[in-house]
Amino acid sequence: MASLLAFPCLRFIIAGMNSSPAPFISSLLSQGFSLESEISSNKDFGNFKKVYASQDFKLRLTKDRGQFFIDLSENTSHAQWIDLLSFLAFLKVDCPESSLFQTALNNLGRIRKNAHALSISIPIPKKRSPSL
């Protein structure tokens, strides 16, 4: 299986600052996800980070200065987060949708089916001592 390092960490920005994640969140909840944790700040542009968990995997929804990001991880406490579109590229899934939320919803089945691949460890290069 190819390393996830082969795919750049793509960030998909929803056009316009008025896009609401409410329908997306409602759909997640109706498909067996539950809110596991939430951090928000109304004074910092309404930024938030919400983690939703299902039996198969976790999904982190982040809003930072009007931009939305979705990351995935295996359903463990010390899992590494992987950008949604990078994971879908790893699975060789085309993402023609214009909305990050629609892309996620349209691919929940594929993600569930391949959730085991979220546990792929990405090697971290060791620091080398400088040559003398």
C-alpha atoms as a PDB file:
ATOM      1  CA  MET A   1       0.000   0.000   0.000  1.00  0.00           C
ATOM      2  CA  ALA A   2       1.326   3.480  -0.834  1.00  0.00           C
ATOM      3  CA  SER A   3       2.420   5.787   1.937  1.00  0.00           C
ATOM      4  CA  LEU A   4       0.144   8.676   2.825  1.00  0.00           C
ATOM      5  CA  LEU A   5       3.232  10.864   2.470  1.00  0.00           C
ATOM      6  CA  ALA A   6       2.797  10.527  -1.290  1.00  0.00           C
ATOM      7  CA  PHE A   7      -0.213  12.849  -1.107  1.00  0.00           C
ATOM      8  CA  PRO A   8       0.168  16.487  -0.114  1.00  0.00           C
ATOM      9  CA  CYS A   9      -2.050  17.672   2.696  1.00  0.00           C
ATOM     10  CA  LEU A  10      -4.826  19.249   0.690  1.00  0.00           C
ATOM     11  CA  ARG A  11      -7.074  21.811   2.327  1.00  0.00           C
ATOM     12  CA  PHE A  12     -10.478  22.419   0.817  1.00  0.00           C
ATOM     13  CA  ILE A  13     -11.882  25.847   1.608  1.00  0.00           C
ATOM     14  CA  ILE A  14     -15.581  26.421   1.318  1.00  0.00           C
ATOM     15  CA  ALA A  15     -16.219  29.482  -0.809  1.00  0.00           C
ATOM     16  CA  GLY A  16     -17.797  32.264   1.187  1.00  0.00           C
ATOM     17  CA  MET A  17     -17.715  32.842   4.897  1.00  0.00           C
ATOM     18  CA  ASN A  18     -21.452  32.262   5.374  1.00  0.00           C
ATOM     19  CA  SER A  19     -21.428  28.514   4.691  1.00  0.00           C
ATOM     20  CA  SER A  20     -23.041  26.708   7.591  1.00  0.00           C
ATOM     21  CA  PRO A  21     -21.956  23.261   8.758  1.00  0.00           C
ATOM     22  CA  ALA A  22     -25.336  22.693  10.479  1.00  0.00           C
ATOM     23  CA  PRO A  23     -26.841  20.378   7.785  1.00  0.00           C
ATOM     24  CA  PHE A  24     -23.573  18.428   7.658  1.00  0.00           C
ATOM     25  CA  ILE A  25     -23.492  18.009  11.450  1.00  0.00           C
ATOM     26  CA  SER A  26     -27.150  16.978  11.487  1.00  0.00           C
ATOM     27  CA  SER A  27     -26.446  14.353   8.847  1.00  0.00           C
ATOM     28  CA  LEU A  28     -23.445  13.033  10.799  1.00  0.00           C
ATOM     29  CA  LEU A  29     -25.542  12.690  13.945  1.00  0.00           C
ATOM     30  CA  SER A  30     -28.284  10.844  12.037  1.00  0.00           C
ATOM     31  CA  GLN A  31     -25.666   8.393  10.708  1.00  0.00           C
ATOM     32  CA  GLY A  32     -24.443   7.249  14.108  1.00  0.00           C
ATOM     33  CA  PHE A  33     -21.832   9.851  14.997  1.00  0.00           C
ATOM     34  CA  SER A  34     -21.808  11.537  18.389  1.00  0.00           C
ATOM     35  CA  LEU A  35     -20.072  14.700  19.549  1.00  0.00           C
ATOM     36  CA  GLU A  36     -17.020  13.584  21.523  1.00  0.00           C
ATOM     37  CA  SER A  37     -15.378  16.940  22.238  1.00  0.00           C
ATOM     38  CA  GLU A  38     -15.727  20.601  21.371  1.00  0.00           C
ATOM     39  CA  ILE A  39     -13.524  23.665  21.753  1.00  0.00           C
ATOM     40  CA  SER A  40     -14.859  27.022  20.586  1.00  0.00           C
ATOM     41  CA  SER A  41     -14.089  30.708  20.870  1.00  0.00           C
ATOM     42  CA  ASN A  42     -16.614  33.374  19.960  1.00  0.00           C
ATOM     43  CA  LYS A  43     -14.025  36.127  20.330  1.00  0.00           C
ATOM     44  CA  ASP A  44     -11.631  34.522  17.821  1.00  0.00           C
ATOM     45  CA  PHE A  45     -13.719  34.790  14.651  1.00  0.00           C
ATOM     46  CA  GLY A  46     -16.083  32.074  15.916  1.00  0.00           C
ATOM     47  CA  ASN A  47     -13.360  29.451  15.554  1.00  0.00           C
ATOM     48  CA  PHE A  48     -14.136  25.938  16.753  1.00  0.00           C
ATOM     49  CA  LYS A  49     -12.897  22.378  16.729  1.00  0.00           C
ATOM     50  CA  LYS A  50     -15.432  19.555  17.115  1.00  0.00           C
ATOM     51  CA  VAL A  51     -14.664  15.861  17.170  1.00  0.00           C
ATOM     52  CA  TYR A  52     -17.399  13.404  16.181  1.00  0.00           C
ATOM     53  CA  ALA A  53     -16.963   9.692  16.782  1.00  0.00           C
ATOM     54  CA  SER A  54     -18.606   6.656  15.205  1.00  0.00           C
ATOM     55  CA  GLN A  55     -17.878   2.983  15.801  1.00  0.00           C
ATOM     56  CA  ASP A  56     -15.488   3.003  12.845  1.00  0.00           C
ATOM     57  CA  PHE A  57     -13.567   6.281  12.933  1.00  0.00           C
ATOM     58  CA  LYS A  58     -13.438   9.855  14.214  1.00  0.00           C
ATOM     59  CA  LEU A  59     -14.071  13.001  12.221  1.00  0.00           C
ATOM     60  CA  ARG A  60     -12.730  16.402  13.300  1.00  0.00           C
ATOM     61  CA  LEU A  61     -14.461  19.517  11.976  1.00  0.00           C
ATOM     62  CA  THR A  62     -12.458  22.719  12.373  1.00  0.00           C
ATOM     63  CA  LYS A  63     -13.491  26.277  11.593  1.00  0.00           C
ATOM     64  CA  ASP A  64     -10.585  28.714  11.520  1.00  0.00           C
ATOM     65  CA  ARG A  65     -11.188  32.306  10.395  1.00  0.00           C
ATOM     66  CA  GLY A  66     -14.141  31.352   8.209  1.00  0.00           C
ATOM     67  CA  GLN A  67     -12.491  28.320   6.614  1.00  0.00           C
ATOM     68  CA  PHE A  68     -13.619  24.754   7.312  1.00  0.00           C
ATOM     69  CA  PHE A  69     -11.379  21.692   7.478  1.00  0.00           C
ATOM     70  CA  ILE A  70     -12.226  18.006   7.972  1.00  0.00           C
ATOM     71  CA  ASP A  71      -9.720  15.481   9.273  1.00  0.00           C
ATOM     72  CA  LEU A  72     -10.123  11.761  10.022  1.00  0.00           C
ATOM     73  CA  SER A  73      -8.538   9.382  12.501  1.00  0.00           C
ATOM     74  CA  GLU A  74      -8.946   5.863  13.717  1.00  0.00           C
ATOM     75  CA  ASN A  75     -11.187   5.515  16.741  1.00  0.00           C
ATOM     76  CA  THR A  76      -8.466   5.487  19.424  1.00  0.00           C
ATOM     77  CA  SER A  77      -7.307   8.111  21.882  1.00  0.00           C
ATOM     78  CA  HIS A  78      -3.826   8.694  20.431  1.00  0.00           C
ATOM     79  CA  ALA A  79      -4.591   8.473  16.732  1.00  0.00           C
ATOM     80  CA  GLN A  80      -2.967  10.630  14.090  1.00  0.00           C
ATOM     81  CA  TRP A  81      -5.278  12.943  12.134  1.00  0.00           C
ATOM     82  CA  ILE A  82      -5.337  12.724   8.332  1.00  0.00           C
ATOM     83  CA  ASP A  83      -6.841  15.360   6.067  1.00  0.00           C
ATOM     84  CA  LEU A  84     -10.093  14.135   4.450  1.00  0.00           C
ATOM     85  CA  LEU A  85      -9.067  14.854   0.865  1.00  0.00           C
ATOM     86  CA  SER A  86      -5.605  13.352   1.344  1.00  0.00           C
ATOM     87  CA  PHE A  87      -7.223  10.155   2.640  1.00  0.00           C
ATOM     88  CA  LEU A  88      -9.676  10.071  -0.267  1.00  0.00           C
ATOM     89  CA  ALA A  89      -6.780  10.608  -2.706  1.00  0.00           C
ATOM     90  CA  PHE A  90      -4.983   7.707  -0.988  1.00  0.00           C
ATOM     91  CA  LEU A  91      -8.095   5.589  -1.668  1.00  0.00           C
ATOM     92  CA  LYS A  92      -8.047   6.851  -5.277  1.00  0.00           C
ATOM     93  CA  VAL A  93     -11.458   8.516  -4.936  1.00  0.00           C
ATOM     94  CA  ASP A  94     -12.267  11.455  -7.202  1.00  0.00           C
ATOM     95  CA  CYS A  95     -13.841  14.395  -5.391  1.00  0.00           C
ATOM     96  CA  PRO A  96     -15.690  16.520  -7.959  1.00  0.00           C
ATOM     97  CA  GLU A  97     -18.096  18.017  -5.396  1.00  0.00           C
ATOM     98  CA  SER A  98     -17.794  21.735  -4.829  1.00  0.00           C
ATOM     99  CA  SER A  99     -18.420  21.492  -1.090  1.00  0.00           C
ATOM    100  CA  LEU A 100     -16.208  19.938   1.551  1.00  0.00           C
ATOM    101  CA  PHE A 101     -19.302  18.903   3.489  1.00  0.00           C
ATOM    102  CA  GLN A 102     -20.890  17.205   0.453  1.00  0.00           C
ATOM    103  CA  THR A 103     -17.610  15.442  -0.331  1.00  0.00           C
ATOM    104  CA  ALA A 104     -17.472  14.047   3.196  1.00  0.00           C
ATOM    105  CA  LEU A 105     -21.110  12.933   3.207  1.00  0.00           C
ATOM    106  CA  ASN A 106     -20.871  11.323  -0.240  1.00  0.00           C
ATOM    107  CA  ASN A 107     -17.854   9.288   0.867  1.00  0.00           C
ATOM    108  CA  LEU A 108     -18.776   8.208   4.412  1.00  0.00           C
ATOM    109  CA  GLY A 109     -19.396   4.650   3.171  1.00  0.00           C
ATOM    110  CA  ARG A 110     -15.965   4.457   1.524  1.00  0.00           C
ATOM    111  CA  ILE A 111     -14.317   5.894   4.621  1.00  0.00           C
ATOM    112  CA  ARG A 112     -16.102   3.390   6.892  1.00  0.00           C
ATOM    113  CA  LYS A 113     -15.140   0.511   4.595  1.00  0.00           C
ATOM    114  CA  ASN A 114     -11.480   1.601   4.640  1.00  0.00           C
ATOM    115  CA  ALA A 115     -11.248   2.943   8.205  1.00  0.00           C
ATOM    116  CA  HIS A 116      -8.548   0.338   8.921  1.00  0.00           C
ATOM    117  CA  ALA A 117      -6.246   2.320   6.608  1.00  0.00           C
ATOM    118  CA  LEU A 118      -6.431   5.298   8.989  1.00  0.00           C
ATOM    119  CA  SER A 119      -4.061   3.382  11.251  1.00  0.00           C
ATOM    120  CA  ILE A 120      -1.253   3.503   8.696  1.00  0.00           C
ATOM    121  CA  SER A 121       1.673   5.045  10.489  1.00  0.00           C
ATOM    122  CA  ILE A 122       3.460   7.832   8.729  1.00  0.00           C
ATOM    123  CA  PRO A 123       7.175   7.597   9.429  1.00  0.00           C
ATOM    124  CA  ILE A 124       8.700  10.645  11.065  1.00  0.00           C
ATOM    125  CA  PRO A 125      12.258  11.249   9.907  1.00  0.00           C
ATOM    126  CA  LYS A 126      14.856  10.972  12.665  1.00  0.00           C
ATOM    127  CA  LYS A 127      16.926  14.036  13.361  1.00  0.00           C
ATOM    128  CA  ARG A 128      20.432  13.578  12.152  1.00  0.00           C
ATOM    129  CA  SER A 129      23.414  14.859  14.018  1.00  0.00           C
ATOM    130  CA  PRO A 130      25.283  17.429  11.973  1.00  0.00           C
ATOM    131  CA  SER A 131      28.467  16.163  10.400  1.00  0.00           C
ATOM    132  CA  LEU A 132      31.655  17.540  11.883  1.00  0.00           C
END
